Amino acid sequence: MIEVIWTLILTACMNDSSCHFQEVKEFKTKNACIELKEEILSIPADGPWKTIDYNCLPKGGMEA
């Protein structure tokens, strides 16, 4: 069986539409990734960002 590593990815976009991506942390399960995502989203955002988004994705992959 192939083990999937899940990654919490932060995407922060500025008002000029430029976006920055950062890997936050890796997880062995999607549920663990989602738990941290929900915890982070409960903290007020800071900085001059137009949008802040967190996604749990397979490492090196994308959601379908």
N, C-alpha and C. Protein backbone atom coordinates (compact mmCIF):
# COMPACT_ATOMS: atom_id res chain seq x y z
N MET A 1 0.83 -1.18 0.00
CA MET A 1 0.00 0.00 0.00
C MET A 1 0.88 1.25 0.00
N ILE A 2 0.53 2.21 -0.82
CA ILE A 2 1.29 3.45 -0.92
C ILE A 2 0.85 4.40 0.19
N GLU A 3 1.83 4.95 0.89
CA GLU A 3 1.53 5.92 1.95
C GLU A 3 1.44 7.31 1.34
N VAL A 4 0.36 8.02 1.63
CA VAL A 4 0.18 9.38 1.15
C VAL A 4 0.58 10.33 2.26
N ILE A 5 1.44 11.27 1.94
CA ILE A 5 1.82 12.32 2.87
C ILE A 5 0.97 13.54 2.52
N TRP A 6 0.26 14.08 3.50
CA TRP A 6 -0.58 15.26 3.31
C TRP A 6 0.18 16.50 3.74
N THR A 7 -0.01 17.58 3.00
CA THR A 7 0.69 18.83 3.26
C THR A 7 -0.31 19.96 3.42
N LEU A 8 -0.14 20.75 4.47
CA LEU A 8 -0.95 21.96 4.64
C LEU A 8 -0.22 23.08 3.92
N ILE A 9 -0.88 23.65 2.91
CA ILE A 9 -0.30 24.70 2.08
C ILE A 9 -1.00 26.02 2.37
N LEU A 10 -0.21 27.06 2.61
CA LEU A 10 -0.72 28.42 2.80
C LEU A 10 -0.58 29.17 1.48
N THR A 11 -1.66 29.82 1.04
CA THR A 11 -1.62 30.71 -0.11
C THR A 11 -2.07 32.08 0.37
N ALA A 12 -1.19 33.08 0.22
CA ALA A 12 -1.50 34.45 0.63
C ALA A 12 -1.39 35.34 -0.60
N CYS A 13 -2.47 36.05 -0.92
CA CYS A 13 -2.49 36.92 -2.10
C CYS A 13 -2.60 38.38 -1.66
N MET A 14 -1.87 39.23 -2.37
CA MET A 14 -1.86 40.67 -2.10
C MET A 14 -2.92 41.35 -2.96
N ASN A 15 -3.12 42.63 -2.73
CA ASN A 15 -4.09 43.41 -3.51
C ASN A 15 -3.71 43.51 -4.99
N ASP A 16 -2.42 43.38 -5.31
CA ASP A 16 -1.99 43.45 -6.71
C ASP A 16 -2.08 42.10 -7.41
N SER A 17 -2.75 41.15 -6.80
CA SER A 17 -3.00 39.80 -7.33
C SER A 17 -1.78 38.88 -7.30
N SER A 18 -0.65 39.33 -6.75
CA SER A 18 0.48 38.42 -6.61
C SER A 18 0.22 37.52 -5.41
N CYS A 19 0.53 36.25 -5.57
CA CYS A 19 0.26 35.27 -4.51
C CYS A 19 1.56 34.58 -4.09
N HIS A 20 1.63 34.24 -2.84
CA HIS A 20 2.78 33.56 -2.27
C HIS A 20 2.30 32.24 -1.67
N PHE A 21 3.07 31.18 -1.89
CA PHE A 21 2.72 29.85 -1.41
C PHE A 21 3.77 29.38 -0.43
N GLN A 22 3.33 28.67 0.61
CA GLN A 22 4.26 28.15 1.60
C GLN A 22 3.73 26.85 2.17
N GLU A 23 4.61 25.85 2.25
CA GLU A 23 4.25 24.60 2.92
C GLU A 23 4.34 24.85 4.42
N VAL A 24 3.25 24.56 5.13
CA VAL A 24 3.20 24.80 6.57
C VAL A 24 3.69 23.58 7.34
N LYS A 25 3.15 22.40 7.01
CA LYS A 25 3.51 21.18 7.74
C LYS A 25 3.05 19.95 6.96
N GLU A 26 3.72 18.82 7.19
CA GLU A 26 3.34 17.55 6.58
C GLU A 26 2.66 16.66 7.62
N PHE A 27 1.74 15.81 7.14
CA PHE A 27 0.96 14.93 8.01
C PHE A 27 0.86 13.54 7.40
N LYS A 28 0.63 12.54 8.25
CA LYS A 28 0.42 11.17 7.78
C LYS A 28 -1.03 10.92 7.41
N THR A 29 -1.96 11.76 7.93
CA THR A 29 -3.38 11.58 7.60
C THR A 29 -3.99 12.92 7.19
N LYS A 30 -5.01 12.85 6.33
CA LYS A 30 -5.71 14.06 5.91
C LYS A 30 -6.45 14.68 7.10
N ASN A 31 -7.00 13.84 7.99
CA ASN A 31 -7.72 14.36 9.16
C ASN A 31 -6.82 15.20 10.06
N ALA A 32 -5.57 14.78 10.25
CA ALA A 32 -4.64 15.56 11.07
C ALA A 32 -4.36 16.91 10.41
N CYS A 33 -4.26 16.92 9.10
CA CYS A 33 -4.05 18.15 8.36
C CYS A 33 -5.24 19.09 8.53
N ILE A 34 -6.43 18.55 8.39
CA ILE A 34 -7.65 19.36 8.52
C ILE A 34 -7.78 19.92 9.93
N GLU A 35 -7.41 19.13 10.94
CA GLU A 35 -7.48 19.61 12.33
C GLU A 35 -6.61 20.85 12.53
N LEU A 36 -5.37 20.82 12.02
CA LEU A 36 -4.50 21.99 12.17
C LEU A 36 -5.03 23.16 11.35
N LYS A 37 -5.55 22.88 10.15
CA LYS A 37 -6.12 23.94 9.32
C LYS A 37 -7.24 24.66 10.08
N GLU A 38 -8.13 23.92 10.70
CA GLU A 38 -9.24 24.52 11.45
C GLU A 38 -8.73 25.33 12.64
N GLU A 39 -7.68 24.82 13.30
CA GLU A 39 -7.10 25.55 14.42
C GLU A 39 -6.50 26.88 13.95
N ILE A 40 -5.77 26.84 12.85
CA ILE A 40 -5.15 28.06 12.31
C ILE A 40 -6.22 29.06 11.87
N LEU A 41 -7.29 28.58 11.25
CA LEU A 41 -8.34 29.48 10.78
C LEU A 41 -9.07 30.17 11.92
N SER A 42 -8.96 29.65 13.13
CA SER A 42 -9.60 30.30 14.28
C SER A 42 -8.80 31.50 14.79
N ILE A 43 -7.58 31.66 14.29
CA ILE A 43 -6.72 32.79 14.68
C ILE A 43 -6.95 33.93 13.70
N PRO A 44 -7.15 35.16 14.18
CA PRO A 44 -7.35 36.29 13.26
C PRO A 44 -6.15 36.49 12.33
N ALA A 45 -6.42 36.79 11.07
CA ALA A 45 -5.36 37.01 10.08
C ALA A 45 -4.68 38.35 10.35
N ASP A 46 -3.40 38.43 9.99
CA ASP A 46 -2.69 39.69 10.09
C ASP A 46 -2.02 40.00 8.75
N GLY A 47 -1.56 41.20 8.59
CA GLY A 47 -0.85 41.58 7.37
C GLY A 47 -1.78 42.16 6.32
N PRO A 48 -1.18 42.69 5.26
CA PRO A 48 -1.93 43.39 4.20
C PRO A 48 -2.44 42.45 3.11
N TRP A 49 -2.93 41.29 3.45
CA TRP A 49 -3.32 40.28 2.48
C TRP A 49 -4.74 40.52 1.98
N LYS A 50 -4.93 40.32 0.68
CA LYS A 50 -6.29 40.36 0.12
C LYS A 50 -7.01 39.07 0.49
N THR A 51 -6.31 37.95 0.32
CA THR A 51 -6.88 36.65 0.69
C THR A 51 -5.81 35.78 1.35
N ILE A 52 -6.26 34.95 2.27
CA ILE A 52 -5.42 33.94 2.92
C ILE A 52 -6.19 32.63 2.79
N ASP A 53 -5.52 31.58 2.31
CA ASP A 53 -6.20 30.30 2.13
C ASP A 53 -5.26 29.18 2.56
N TYR A 54 -5.81 28.17 3.21
CA TYR A 54 -5.07 26.98 3.60
C TYR A 54 -5.72 25.78 2.95
N ASN A 55 -4.91 24.89 2.38
CA ASN A 55 -5.43 23.68 1.74
C ASN A 55 -4.61 22.47 2.17
N CYS A 56 -5.29 21.36 2.41
CA CYS A 56 -4.64 20.09 2.68
C CYS A 56 -4.58 19.31 1.36
N LEU A 57 -3.35 19.07 0.90
CA LEU A 57 -3.15 18.40 -0.38
C LEU A 57 -2.15 17.27 -0.23
N PRO A 58 -2.26 16.24 -1.09
CA PRO A 58 -1.21 15.23 -1.11
C PRO A 58 0.12 15.89 -1.50
N LYS A 59 1.20 15.52 -0.83
CA LYS A 59 2.50 16.13 -1.12
C LYS A 59 2.83 15.98 -2.60
N GLY A 60 3.15 17.09 -3.23
CA GLY A 60 3.51 17.09 -4.64
C GLY A 60 2.33 16.97 -5.57
N GLY A 61 1.11 17.02 -5.04
CA GLY A 61 -0.09 16.85 -5.88
C GLY A 61 -1.03 18.02 -5.78
N MET A 62 -2.21 17.81 -6.33
CA MET A 62 -3.26 18.82 -6.27
C MET A 62 -4.60 18.14 -6.13
N GLU A 63 -5.60 18.89 -5.66
CA GLU A 63 -6.94 18.32 -5.52
C GLU A 63 -7.61 18.23 -6.88
N ALA A 64 -8.45 17.22 -7.04
CA ALA A 64 -9.20 17.07 -8.28
C ALA A 64 -10.52 17.79 -8.18
